[in-house]
N, C-alpha and C. Protein backbone atom coordinates (compact mmCIF):
# COMPACT_ATOMS: atom_id res chain seq x y z
N CYS A 1 -39.52 -9.46 3.34
CA CYS A 1 -38.58 -9.85 2.29
C CYS A 1 -38.92 -11.27 1.81
N VAL A 2 -38.61 -11.51 0.58
CA VAL A 2 -38.75 -12.85 0.04
C VAL A 2 -37.48 -13.60 0.39
N GLY A 3 -37.60 -14.65 1.18
CA GLY A 3 -36.42 -15.41 1.59
C GLY A 3 -35.66 -14.70 2.70
N ASP A 4 -34.35 -14.83 2.68
CA ASP A 4 -33.49 -14.28 3.72
C ASP A 4 -33.36 -12.77 3.56
N ALA A 5 -33.77 -12.02 4.57
CA ALA A 5 -33.77 -10.56 4.50
C ALA A 5 -32.36 -10.00 4.36
N ILE A 6 -31.41 -10.55 5.08
CA ILE A 6 -30.04 -10.04 4.99
C ILE A 6 -29.51 -10.21 3.56
N ARG A 7 -29.79 -11.32 2.94
CA ARG A 7 -29.35 -11.55 1.57
C ARG A 7 -30.01 -10.55 0.62
N ARG A 8 -31.31 -10.28 0.82
CA ARG A 8 -32.00 -9.31 -0.03
C ARG A 8 -31.40 -7.91 0.13
N PHE A 9 -31.05 -7.54 1.37
CA PHE A 9 -30.46 -6.23 1.62
C PHE A 9 -29.03 -6.15 1.11
N ASP A 10 -28.32 -7.28 1.12
CA ASP A 10 -26.98 -7.31 0.55
C ASP A 10 -27.03 -7.11 -0.97
N GLU A 11 -28.09 -7.62 -1.61
CA GLU A 11 -28.25 -7.44 -3.05
C GLU A 11 -28.50 -5.98 -3.41
N ASP A 12 -29.31 -5.30 -2.60
CA ASP A 12 -29.64 -3.89 -2.85
C ASP A 12 -29.99 -3.25 -1.51
N ALA A 13 -29.10 -2.41 -1.00
CA ALA A 13 -29.31 -1.79 0.31
C ALA A 13 -30.49 -0.83 0.34
N LEU A 14 -30.88 -0.32 -0.82
CA LEU A 14 -32.02 0.59 -0.87
C LEU A 14 -33.31 -0.11 -0.44
N ARG A 15 -33.34 -1.42 -0.53
CA ARG A 15 -34.53 -2.18 -0.12
C ARG A 15 -34.87 -1.93 1.35
N MET A 16 -33.88 -1.58 2.14
CA MET A 16 -34.15 -1.28 3.55
C MET A 16 -35.06 -0.06 3.67
N LEU A 17 -34.75 0.98 2.92
CA LEU A 17 -35.60 2.18 2.95
C LEU A 17 -36.95 1.91 2.29
N ARG A 18 -36.96 1.04 1.31
CA ARG A 18 -38.24 0.68 0.70
C ARG A 18 -39.14 -0.01 1.72
N ALA A 19 -38.55 -0.81 2.59
CA ALA A 19 -39.35 -1.46 3.64
C ALA A 19 -40.01 -0.41 4.52
N VAL A 20 -39.26 0.62 4.87
CA VAL A 20 -39.82 1.72 5.68
C VAL A 20 -40.90 2.45 4.88
N ARG A 21 -40.62 2.71 3.61
CA ARG A 21 -41.60 3.41 2.77
C ARG A 21 -42.88 2.60 2.63
N PHE A 22 -42.75 1.29 2.34
CA PHE A 22 -43.94 0.46 2.20
C PHE A 22 -44.72 0.41 3.50
N ALA A 23 -44.03 0.30 4.61
CA ALA A 23 -44.70 0.27 5.91
C ALA A 23 -45.44 1.59 6.15
N ALA A 24 -44.83 2.70 5.74
CA ALA A 24 -45.49 4.00 5.90
C ALA A 24 -46.68 4.15 4.96
N SER A 25 -46.49 3.80 3.71
CA SER A 25 -47.54 3.97 2.70
C SER A 25 -48.73 3.05 2.94
N LEU A 26 -48.45 1.82 3.33
CA LEU A 26 -49.51 0.83 3.50
C LEU A 26 -49.99 0.71 4.95
N GLU A 27 -49.33 1.47 5.84
CA GLU A 27 -49.62 1.46 7.27
C GLU A 27 -49.51 0.05 7.85
N PHE A 28 -48.45 -0.63 7.46
CA PHE A 28 -48.13 -1.97 7.95
C PHE A 28 -47.02 -1.88 8.99
N ASP A 29 -46.85 -2.94 9.74
CA ASP A 29 -45.68 -3.08 10.60
C ASP A 29 -44.64 -3.87 9.82
N ILE A 30 -43.37 -3.57 10.08
CA ILE A 30 -42.30 -4.32 9.44
C ILE A 30 -42.13 -5.64 10.19
N ASP A 31 -42.03 -6.73 9.44
CA ASP A 31 -41.84 -8.05 10.02
C ASP A 31 -40.62 -8.03 10.95
N PRO A 32 -40.71 -8.62 12.14
CA PRO A 32 -39.59 -8.60 13.08
C PRO A 32 -38.27 -9.13 12.50
N ALA A 33 -38.31 -10.19 11.71
CA ALA A 33 -37.08 -10.71 11.11
C ALA A 33 -36.49 -9.72 10.11
N THR A 34 -37.36 -9.06 9.35
CA THR A 34 -36.90 -8.05 8.40
C THR A 34 -36.33 -6.85 9.15
N LEU A 35 -36.97 -6.46 10.23
CA LEU A 35 -36.49 -5.34 11.04
C LEU A 35 -35.13 -5.65 11.66
N MET A 36 -34.93 -6.87 12.11
CA MET A 36 -33.63 -7.27 12.66
C MET A 36 -32.55 -7.19 11.58
N ALA A 37 -32.86 -7.66 10.38
CA ALA A 37 -31.89 -7.61 9.28
C ALA A 37 -31.62 -6.16 8.88
N LEU A 38 -32.66 -5.36 8.88
CA LEU A 38 -32.53 -3.95 8.56
C LEU A 38 -31.58 -3.26 9.54
N ASN A 39 -31.75 -3.53 10.82
CA ASN A 39 -30.88 -2.93 11.84
C ASN A 39 -29.45 -3.46 11.75
N ALA A 40 -29.30 -4.70 11.33
CA ALA A 40 -27.96 -5.28 11.20
C ALA A 40 -27.21 -4.70 10.01
N ARG A 41 -27.91 -4.31 8.96
CA ARG A 41 -27.28 -3.85 7.73
C ARG A 41 -27.45 -2.35 7.46
N MET A 42 -27.99 -1.58 8.41
CA MET A 42 -28.34 -0.20 8.12
C MET A 42 -27.15 0.66 7.69
N GLY A 43 -25.95 0.33 8.10
CA GLY A 43 -24.77 1.09 7.68
C GLY A 43 -24.53 1.02 6.19
N ASP A 44 -25.05 0.00 5.53
CA ASP A 44 -24.87 -0.15 4.08
C ASP A 44 -25.59 0.94 3.29
N ILE A 45 -26.52 1.64 3.92
CA ILE A 45 -27.27 2.68 3.21
C ILE A 45 -26.33 3.81 2.79
N ALA A 46 -25.19 3.93 3.43
CA ALA A 46 -24.21 4.98 3.07
C ALA A 46 -23.65 4.78 1.67
N TYR A 47 -23.77 3.58 1.12
CA TYR A 47 -23.22 3.28 -0.20
C TYR A 47 -24.24 3.43 -1.32
N VAL A 48 -25.44 3.85 -0.98
CA VAL A 48 -26.50 4.02 -1.97
C VAL A 48 -26.49 5.48 -2.44
N ALA A 49 -26.77 5.71 -3.71
CA ALA A 49 -26.81 7.06 -4.26
C ALA A 49 -27.74 7.93 -3.43
N ARG A 50 -27.27 9.11 -3.07
CA ARG A 50 -28.02 10.00 -2.19
C ARG A 50 -29.37 10.39 -2.78
N GLU A 51 -29.44 10.56 -4.09
CA GLU A 51 -30.71 10.92 -4.73
C GLU A 51 -31.75 9.82 -4.52
N ARG A 52 -31.32 8.58 -4.60
CA ARG A 52 -32.24 7.45 -4.39
C ARG A 52 -32.70 7.39 -2.94
N VAL A 53 -31.79 7.69 -2.03
CA VAL A 53 -32.13 7.73 -0.60
C VAL A 53 -33.18 8.81 -0.37
N PHE A 54 -32.95 10.00 -0.95
CA PHE A 54 -33.92 11.09 -0.79
C PHE A 54 -35.29 10.68 -1.32
N THR A 55 -35.32 10.05 -2.50
CA THR A 55 -36.59 9.67 -3.11
C THR A 55 -37.38 8.73 -2.20
N GLU A 56 -36.73 7.73 -1.64
CA GLU A 56 -37.43 6.79 -0.75
C GLU A 56 -37.89 7.46 0.54
N LEU A 57 -37.02 8.28 1.14
CA LEU A 57 -37.42 8.98 2.36
C LEU A 57 -38.55 9.97 2.09
N ASN A 58 -38.49 10.63 0.95
CA ASN A 58 -39.53 11.59 0.60
C ASN A 58 -40.88 10.89 0.43
N LYS A 59 -40.87 9.74 -0.22
CA LYS A 59 -42.11 8.98 -0.39
C LYS A 59 -42.65 8.51 0.96
N ALA A 60 -41.76 8.08 1.84
CA ALA A 60 -42.19 7.65 3.18
C ALA A 60 -42.78 8.84 3.95
N LEU A 61 -42.10 9.98 3.91
CA LEU A 61 -42.59 11.17 4.61
C LEU A 61 -43.92 11.65 4.07
N ASN A 62 -44.15 11.46 2.79
CA ASN A 62 -45.38 11.94 2.17
C ASN A 62 -46.53 10.94 2.27
N ALA A 63 -46.33 9.85 2.96
CA ALA A 63 -47.42 8.90 3.21
C ALA A 63 -48.43 9.55 4.16
N ARG A 64 -49.62 9.00 4.18
CA ARG A 64 -50.66 9.58 5.02
C ARG A 64 -50.29 9.54 6.50
N SER A 65 -49.73 8.44 6.97
CA SER A 65 -49.35 8.28 8.38
C SER A 65 -47.96 7.65 8.47
N PRO A 66 -46.92 8.45 8.30
CA PRO A 66 -45.57 7.87 8.23
C PRO A 66 -44.89 7.59 9.57
N VAL A 67 -45.45 8.08 10.65
CA VAL A 67 -44.72 8.11 11.92
C VAL A 67 -44.37 6.72 12.45
N ARG A 68 -45.30 5.79 12.42
CA ARG A 68 -45.03 4.46 12.97
C ARG A 68 -43.88 3.77 12.23
N ALA A 69 -43.88 3.88 10.91
CA ALA A 69 -42.80 3.27 10.11
C ALA A 69 -41.48 3.98 10.35
N LEU A 70 -41.50 5.31 10.42
CA LEU A 70 -40.27 6.06 10.68
C LEU A 70 -39.73 5.77 12.08
N ALA A 71 -40.62 5.50 13.01
CA ALA A 71 -40.18 5.14 14.36
C ALA A 71 -39.53 3.76 14.37
N ALA A 72 -40.14 2.81 13.66
CA ALA A 72 -39.59 1.45 13.60
C ALA A 72 -38.22 1.44 12.94
N GLY A 73 -38.04 2.27 11.91
CA GLY A 73 -36.78 2.33 11.19
C GLY A 73 -35.88 3.46 11.64
N GLN A 74 -35.98 3.85 12.90
CA GLN A 74 -35.25 5.01 13.42
C GLN A 74 -33.75 5.00 13.09
N GLY A 75 -33.08 3.92 13.41
CA GLY A 75 -31.64 3.85 13.16
C GLY A 75 -31.31 4.01 11.69
N LEU A 76 -32.07 3.35 10.84
CA LEU A 76 -31.86 3.43 9.40
C LEU A 76 -32.12 4.84 8.89
N VAL A 77 -33.21 5.46 9.34
CA VAL A 77 -33.54 6.81 8.89
C VAL A 77 -32.44 7.79 9.28
N LEU A 78 -31.98 7.71 10.52
CA LEU A 78 -30.91 8.60 10.96
C LEU A 78 -29.63 8.35 10.17
N CYS A 79 -29.32 7.09 9.93
CA CYS A 79 -28.14 6.74 9.13
C CYS A 79 -28.28 7.27 7.71
N ALA A 80 -29.46 7.13 7.13
CA ALA A 80 -29.70 7.62 5.77
C ALA A 80 -29.57 9.14 5.70
N LEU A 81 -30.00 9.82 6.75
CA LEU A 81 -29.89 11.28 6.80
C LEU A 81 -28.47 11.74 7.07
N GLY A 82 -27.65 10.83 7.61
CA GLY A 82 -26.30 11.20 8.01
C GLY A 82 -26.29 12.00 9.30
N VAL A 83 -27.21 11.65 10.20
CA VAL A 83 -27.41 12.39 11.45
C VAL A 83 -27.24 11.45 12.62
N GLU A 84 -26.54 11.88 13.63
CA GLU A 84 -26.44 11.13 14.88
C GLU A 84 -27.64 11.49 15.75
N ALA A 85 -28.13 10.54 16.51
CA ALA A 85 -29.27 10.79 17.40
C ALA A 85 -28.99 11.94 18.35
N SER A 86 -27.74 12.07 18.79
CA SER A 86 -27.38 13.14 19.73
C SER A 86 -27.51 14.53 19.11
N GLU A 87 -27.45 14.63 17.78
CA GLU A 87 -27.61 15.92 17.11
C GLU A 87 -29.02 16.47 17.23
N LEU A 88 -29.95 15.61 17.55
CA LEU A 88 -31.34 16.04 17.66
C LEU A 88 -31.65 16.67 19.02
N ASP A 89 -30.62 16.92 19.81
CA ASP A 89 -30.79 17.60 21.08
C ASP A 89 -31.15 19.05 20.79
N VAL A 90 -32.32 19.47 21.24
CA VAL A 90 -32.83 20.80 20.88
C VAL A 90 -32.68 21.81 22.00
N ALA A 91 -31.78 21.56 22.92
CA ALA A 91 -31.64 22.44 24.08
C ALA A 91 -31.35 23.88 23.69
N ASP A 92 -30.61 24.11 22.60
CA ASP A 92 -30.25 25.47 22.23
C ASP A 92 -31.28 26.14 21.31
N LEU A 93 -32.34 25.45 20.95
CA LEU A 93 -33.38 26.03 20.11
C LEU A 93 -34.54 26.47 20.99
N GLU A 94 -34.58 27.75 21.27
CA GLU A 94 -35.53 28.33 22.22
C GLU A 94 -36.99 27.97 21.90
N TRP A 95 -37.35 28.02 20.62
CA TRP A 95 -38.75 27.80 20.26
C TRP A 95 -39.20 26.36 20.47
N LEU A 96 -38.26 25.42 20.58
CA LEU A 96 -38.63 24.02 20.80
C LEU A 96 -38.53 23.59 22.26
N LYS A 97 -38.10 24.49 23.14
CA LYS A 97 -37.93 24.11 24.55
C LYS A 97 -39.22 23.63 25.21
N PRO A 98 -40.38 24.25 24.98
CA PRO A 98 -41.60 23.73 25.61
C PRO A 98 -41.91 22.29 25.17
N ALA A 99 -41.74 22.00 23.88
CA ALA A 99 -41.98 20.64 23.39
C ALA A 99 -40.93 19.69 23.93
N ARG A 100 -39.71 20.16 24.04
CA ARG A 100 -38.61 19.33 24.53
C ARG A 100 -38.84 18.93 25.98
N ALA A 101 -39.49 19.79 26.74
CA ALA A 101 -39.77 19.47 28.14
C ALA A 101 -40.69 18.26 28.26
N ARG A 102 -41.55 18.04 27.26
CA ARG A 102 -42.47 16.91 27.28
C ARG A 102 -41.85 15.64 26.71
N MET A 103 -40.84 15.77 25.86
CA MET A 103 -40.24 14.62 25.20
C MET A 103 -38.75 14.62 25.42
N GLN A 104 -38.25 13.53 25.92
CA GLN A 104 -36.84 13.44 26.25
C GLN A 104 -35.95 13.17 25.03
N GLU A 105 -36.49 12.53 24.04
CA GLU A 105 -35.68 12.14 22.89
C GLU A 105 -35.99 13.02 21.69
N GLY A 106 -34.93 13.54 21.05
CA GLY A 106 -35.09 14.44 19.92
C GLY A 106 -35.79 13.81 18.72
N TYR A 107 -35.52 12.51 18.47
CA TYR A 107 -36.17 11.86 17.33
C TYR A 107 -37.67 11.71 17.59
N ALA A 108 -38.05 11.44 18.81
CA ALA A 108 -39.48 11.35 19.15
C ALA A 108 -40.15 12.70 18.94
N LEU A 109 -39.46 13.76 19.30
CA LEU A 109 -39.99 15.11 19.08
C LEU A 109 -40.16 15.37 17.58
N ALA A 110 -39.16 15.01 16.79
CA ALA A 110 -39.24 15.20 15.34
C ALA A 110 -40.43 14.45 14.76
N LEU A 111 -40.64 13.21 15.20
CA LEU A 111 -41.77 12.43 14.70
C LEU A 111 -43.10 13.02 15.15
N GLU A 112 -43.14 13.56 16.34
CA GLU A 112 -44.37 14.22 16.81
C GLU A 112 -44.68 15.43 15.93
N LEU A 113 -43.66 16.18 15.57
CA LEU A 113 -43.86 17.32 14.66
C LEU A 113 -44.35 16.85 13.30
N VAL A 114 -43.75 15.76 12.78
CA VAL A 114 -44.18 15.20 11.49
C VAL A 114 -45.66 14.82 11.56
N LYS A 115 -46.06 14.22 12.67
CA LYS A 115 -47.46 13.80 12.82
C LYS A 115 -48.41 14.99 12.83
N ARG A 116 -47.95 16.12 13.32
CA ARG A 116 -48.84 17.28 13.50
C ARG A 116 -48.91 18.23 12.32
N VAL A 117 -48.06 18.04 11.31
CA VAL A 117 -48.10 18.96 10.17
C VAL A 117 -48.69 18.27 8.94
N LYS A 118 -49.20 19.09 8.03
CA LYS A 118 -49.75 18.57 6.78
C LYS A 118 -48.62 18.18 5.85
N CYS A 119 -48.97 17.39 4.88
CA CYS A 119 -48.01 16.95 3.87
C CYS A 119 -48.04 17.96 2.73
N GLU A 120 -47.31 19.06 2.89
CA GLU A 120 -47.29 20.11 1.87
C GLU A 120 -45.86 20.60 1.69
N GLY A 121 -45.47 20.82 0.45
CA GLY A 121 -44.15 21.38 0.17
C GLY A 121 -43.06 20.66 0.93
N GLY A 122 -42.25 21.41 1.61
CA GLY A 122 -41.17 20.83 2.41
C GLY A 122 -41.51 20.80 3.88
N LEU A 123 -42.80 20.92 4.22
CA LEU A 123 -43.19 21.04 5.62
C LEU A 123 -42.88 19.79 6.44
N ARG A 124 -43.11 18.62 5.90
CA ARG A 124 -42.77 17.40 6.66
C ARG A 124 -41.26 17.27 6.82
N TRP A 125 -40.50 17.68 5.81
CA TRP A 125 -39.04 17.67 5.95
C TRP A 125 -38.63 18.66 7.03
N ALA A 126 -39.28 19.82 7.05
CA ALA A 126 -38.99 20.82 8.09
C ALA A 126 -39.27 20.24 9.47
N ALA A 127 -40.38 19.54 9.60
CA ALA A 127 -40.74 18.95 10.88
C ALA A 127 -39.72 17.89 11.31
N LEU A 128 -39.33 17.03 10.38
CA LEU A 128 -38.38 15.97 10.70
C LEU A 128 -37.02 16.52 11.11
N LEU A 129 -36.61 17.59 10.45
CA LEU A 129 -35.27 18.13 10.68
C LEU A 129 -35.25 19.34 11.61
N ALA A 130 -36.40 19.78 12.10
CA ALA A 130 -36.47 20.97 12.95
C ALA A 130 -35.53 20.93 14.15
N PRO A 131 -35.40 19.80 14.86
CA PRO A 131 -34.49 19.79 16.01
C PRO A 131 -33.03 20.06 15.66
N LEU A 132 -32.69 19.97 14.38
CA LEU A 132 -31.31 20.24 13.97
C LEU A 132 -31.05 21.73 13.76
N GLY A 133 -32.09 22.51 13.57
CA GLY A 133 -31.94 23.91 13.20
C GLY A 133 -31.84 24.04 11.70
N ALA A 134 -32.08 25.25 11.19
CA ALA A 134 -32.16 25.48 9.75
C ALA A 134 -30.83 25.22 9.03
N GLU A 135 -29.73 25.64 9.62
CA GLU A 135 -28.43 25.49 8.96
C GLU A 135 -28.06 24.02 8.77
N ARG A 136 -28.19 23.24 9.82
CA ARG A 136 -27.86 21.81 9.73
C ARG A 136 -28.86 21.07 8.84
N ALA A 137 -30.15 21.47 8.91
CA ALA A 137 -31.17 20.87 8.05
C ALA A 137 -30.83 21.09 6.58
N GLU A 138 -30.38 22.29 6.25
CA GLU A 138 -29.98 22.58 4.87
C GLU A 138 -28.82 21.68 4.44
N HIS A 139 -27.86 21.51 5.32
CA HIS A 139 -26.71 20.65 5.03
C HIS A 139 -27.17 19.20 4.76
N VAL A 140 -28.08 18.71 5.58
CA VAL A 140 -28.60 17.35 5.42
C VAL A 140 -29.33 17.21 4.09
N LEU A 141 -30.20 18.16 3.79
CA LEU A 141 -30.98 18.09 2.54
C LEU A 141 -30.10 18.23 1.31
N ARG A 142 -29.11 19.09 1.38
CA ARG A 142 -28.17 19.21 0.24
C ARG A 142 -27.38 17.92 0.07
N GLY A 143 -27.02 17.29 1.17
CA GLY A 143 -26.32 16.01 1.11
C GLY A 143 -27.15 14.91 0.48
N LEU A 144 -28.46 15.02 0.61
CA LEU A 144 -29.38 14.05 0.01
C LEU A 144 -29.74 14.43 -1.44
N ARG A 145 -29.20 15.54 -1.90
CA ARG A 145 -29.48 16.04 -3.25
C ARG A 145 -30.97 16.33 -3.43
N ALA A 146 -31.59 16.87 -2.39
CA ALA A 146 -33.01 17.23 -2.44
C ALA A 146 -33.21 18.38 -3.43
N PRO A 147 -34.37 18.47 -4.02
CA PRO A 147 -34.66 19.60 -4.92
C PRO A 147 -34.57 20.93 -4.15
N ASN A 148 -34.13 21.96 -4.84
CA ASN A 148 -33.94 23.26 -4.21
C ASN A 148 -35.22 23.82 -3.58
N ASP A 149 -36.37 23.59 -4.21
CA ASP A 149 -37.60 24.12 -3.64
C ASP A 149 -37.92 23.49 -2.29
N ILE A 150 -37.64 22.22 -2.11
CA ILE A 150 -37.87 21.57 -0.82
C ILE A 150 -36.87 22.08 0.20
N ILE A 151 -35.62 22.24 -0.20
CA ILE A 151 -34.60 22.77 0.72
C ILE A 151 -35.00 24.16 1.19
N GLU A 152 -35.37 25.02 0.26
CA GLU A 152 -35.71 26.39 0.60
C GLU A 152 -36.94 26.46 1.50
N ARG A 153 -37.99 25.71 1.17
CA ARG A 153 -39.22 25.76 1.98
C ARG A 153 -39.00 25.18 3.36
N ALA A 154 -38.29 24.05 3.43
CA ALA A 154 -38.06 23.42 4.74
C ALA A 154 -37.21 24.31 5.64
N CYS A 155 -36.15 24.84 5.10
CA CYS A 155 -35.25 25.68 5.92
C CYS A 155 -35.90 27.00 6.29
N ALA A 156 -36.69 27.57 5.38
CA ALA A 156 -37.42 28.80 5.70
C ALA A 156 -38.45 28.54 6.80
N ALA A 157 -39.10 27.40 6.75
CA ALA A 157 -40.08 27.06 7.80
C ALA A 157 -39.40 26.92 9.15
N ILE A 158 -38.24 26.26 9.17
CA ILE A 158 -37.52 26.07 10.44
C ILE A 158 -37.04 27.41 10.98
N SER A 159 -36.40 28.21 10.13
CA SER A 159 -35.90 29.50 10.61
C SER A 159 -37.04 30.45 10.95
N GLY A 160 -38.13 30.39 10.17
CA GLY A 160 -39.28 31.23 10.47
C GLY A 160 -39.96 30.84 11.77
N ALA A 161 -40.07 29.54 12.03
CA ALA A 161 -40.69 29.08 13.28
C ALA A 161 -39.85 29.48 14.49
N ALA A 162 -38.55 29.62 14.28
CA ALA A 162 -37.65 29.99 15.37
C ALA A 162 -37.73 31.48 15.71
N ARG A 163 -38.28 32.28 14.81
CA ARG A 163 -38.41 33.71 15.07
C ARG A 163 -39.58 33.96 16.01
N PRO A 164 -39.44 34.99 16.84
CA PRO A 164 -40.58 35.33 17.70
C PRO A 164 -41.71 35.90 16.84
N PHE A 165 -42.92 35.41 17.08
CA PHE A 165 -44.08 35.88 16.34
C PHE A 165 -44.78 36.97 17.12
N GLY A 166 -45.02 38.07 16.45
CA GLY A 166 -45.79 39.15 17.07
C GLY A 166 -47.11 39.30 16.35
N VAL A 167 -48.02 40.00 16.97
CA VAL A 167 -49.34 40.20 16.36
C VAL A 167 -49.50 41.60 15.80
N GLU A 168 -48.51 42.45 16.02
CA GLU A 168 -48.58 43.80 15.47
C GLU A 168 -48.50 43.72 13.95
N ARG A 169 -49.24 44.58 13.31
CA ARG A 169 -49.30 44.60 11.85
C ARG A 169 -47.91 44.73 11.22
N ALA A 170 -47.10 45.62 11.76
CA ALA A 170 -45.76 45.84 11.21
C ALA A 170 -44.89 44.59 11.31
N GLU A 171 -45.00 43.87 12.44
CA GLU A 171 -44.22 42.64 12.62
C GLU A 171 -44.67 41.57 11.62
N VAL A 172 -45.95 41.43 11.43
CA VAL A 172 -46.48 40.44 10.50
C VAL A 172 -46.03 40.77 9.08
N LEU A 173 -46.08 42.04 8.71
CA LEU A 173 -45.65 42.45 7.38
C LEU A 173 -44.15 42.20 7.18
N ARG A 174 -43.34 42.42 8.22
CA ARG A 174 -41.90 42.14 8.12
C ARG A 174 -41.66 40.65 7.89
N MET A 175 -42.38 39.82 8.64
CA MET A 175 -42.24 38.36 8.46
C MET A 175 -42.70 37.95 7.06
N LEU A 176 -43.80 38.51 6.62
CA LEU A 176 -44.33 38.19 5.29
C LEU A 176 -43.33 38.59 4.22
N ASN A 177 -42.73 39.76 4.37
CA ASN A 177 -41.74 40.24 3.41
C ASN A 177 -40.49 39.36 3.43
N ALA A 178 -40.07 38.92 4.61
CA ALA A 178 -38.85 38.12 4.73
C ALA A 178 -39.04 36.70 4.20
N LEU A 179 -40.22 36.11 4.43
CA LEU A 179 -40.42 34.70 4.10
C LEU A 179 -41.28 34.44 2.87
N GLY A 180 -42.20 35.34 2.56
CA GLY A 180 -43.17 35.07 1.51
C GLY A 180 -44.36 34.33 2.11
N VAL A 181 -45.46 34.30 1.38
CA VAL A 181 -46.71 33.74 1.90
C VAL A 181 -46.58 32.25 2.23
N ASP A 182 -46.08 31.45 1.28
CA ASP A 182 -46.01 30.01 1.50
C ASP A 182 -45.10 29.66 2.67
N CYS A 183 -43.93 30.26 2.71
CA CYS A 183 -42.98 29.95 3.78
C CYS A 183 -43.47 30.46 5.13
N LEU A 184 -44.18 31.60 5.13
CA LEU A 184 -44.75 32.09 6.39
C LEU A 184 -45.81 31.13 6.89
N ASN A 185 -46.65 30.63 5.99
CA ASN A 185 -47.66 29.63 6.39
C ASN A 185 -46.99 28.37 6.93
N ASP A 186 -45.91 27.93 6.26
CA ASP A 186 -45.17 26.76 6.74
C ASP A 186 -44.58 27.00 8.13
N ALA A 187 -43.99 28.19 8.31
CA ALA A 187 -43.38 28.53 9.61
C ALA A 187 -44.44 28.56 10.70
N LEU A 188 -45.59 29.12 10.41
CA LEU A 188 -46.68 29.16 11.38
C LEU A 188 -47.18 27.74 11.71
N ALA A 189 -47.32 26.91 10.69
CA ALA A 189 -47.76 25.54 10.91
C ALA A 189 -46.76 24.77 11.75
N LEU A 190 -45.46 24.96 11.49
CA LEU A 190 -44.43 24.27 12.25
C LEU A 190 -44.39 24.77 13.69
N ALA A 191 -44.50 26.07 13.88
CA ALA A 191 -44.51 26.64 15.23
C ALA A 191 -45.72 26.15 16.01
N ARG A 192 -46.88 26.07 15.34
CA ARG A 192 -48.09 25.56 15.99
C ARG A 192 -47.94 24.10 16.39
N ALA A 193 -47.29 23.31 15.53
CA ALA A 193 -47.09 21.88 15.79
C ALA A 193 -46.22 21.70 17.03
């Protein structure tokens, strides 16, 4: 920030998410003083238009390597999503149990999924929100006023990844019919991640 970070964030709370986006896009670390101010003011993000919040988060997610910046801004990102860290508990999602056994924290798991998937359609959103399940992910994305195509692809990927995958021709055709080619590819990529 130029000058006092808290003052800059008081002028425009969206600047906090821009800091995360710039750090993700440019692969920089956020200055410690800026990060402290960001954590002190992160609740102010609730007063920013949801569409603007979605735009900044979407740009950060679509960066080449967004994970380090999203990890640094964890509290802000969760606040912007309207999600409590405890909601990322994936104990009831059968398909994520093997990954959950390796990672104790749901947000760390979400970031690991983001790191492992390509930046296509709503796939990174699906990865970030996968620990919430498809229904809650849809609620979060609708709250952010995300475009319908991203909502549909992300939620289809999450629900598709949660389905048991079979190798029998009939099972594959049923999945293809239920999800469509793009969403089936997304679901497979998310399940693989």
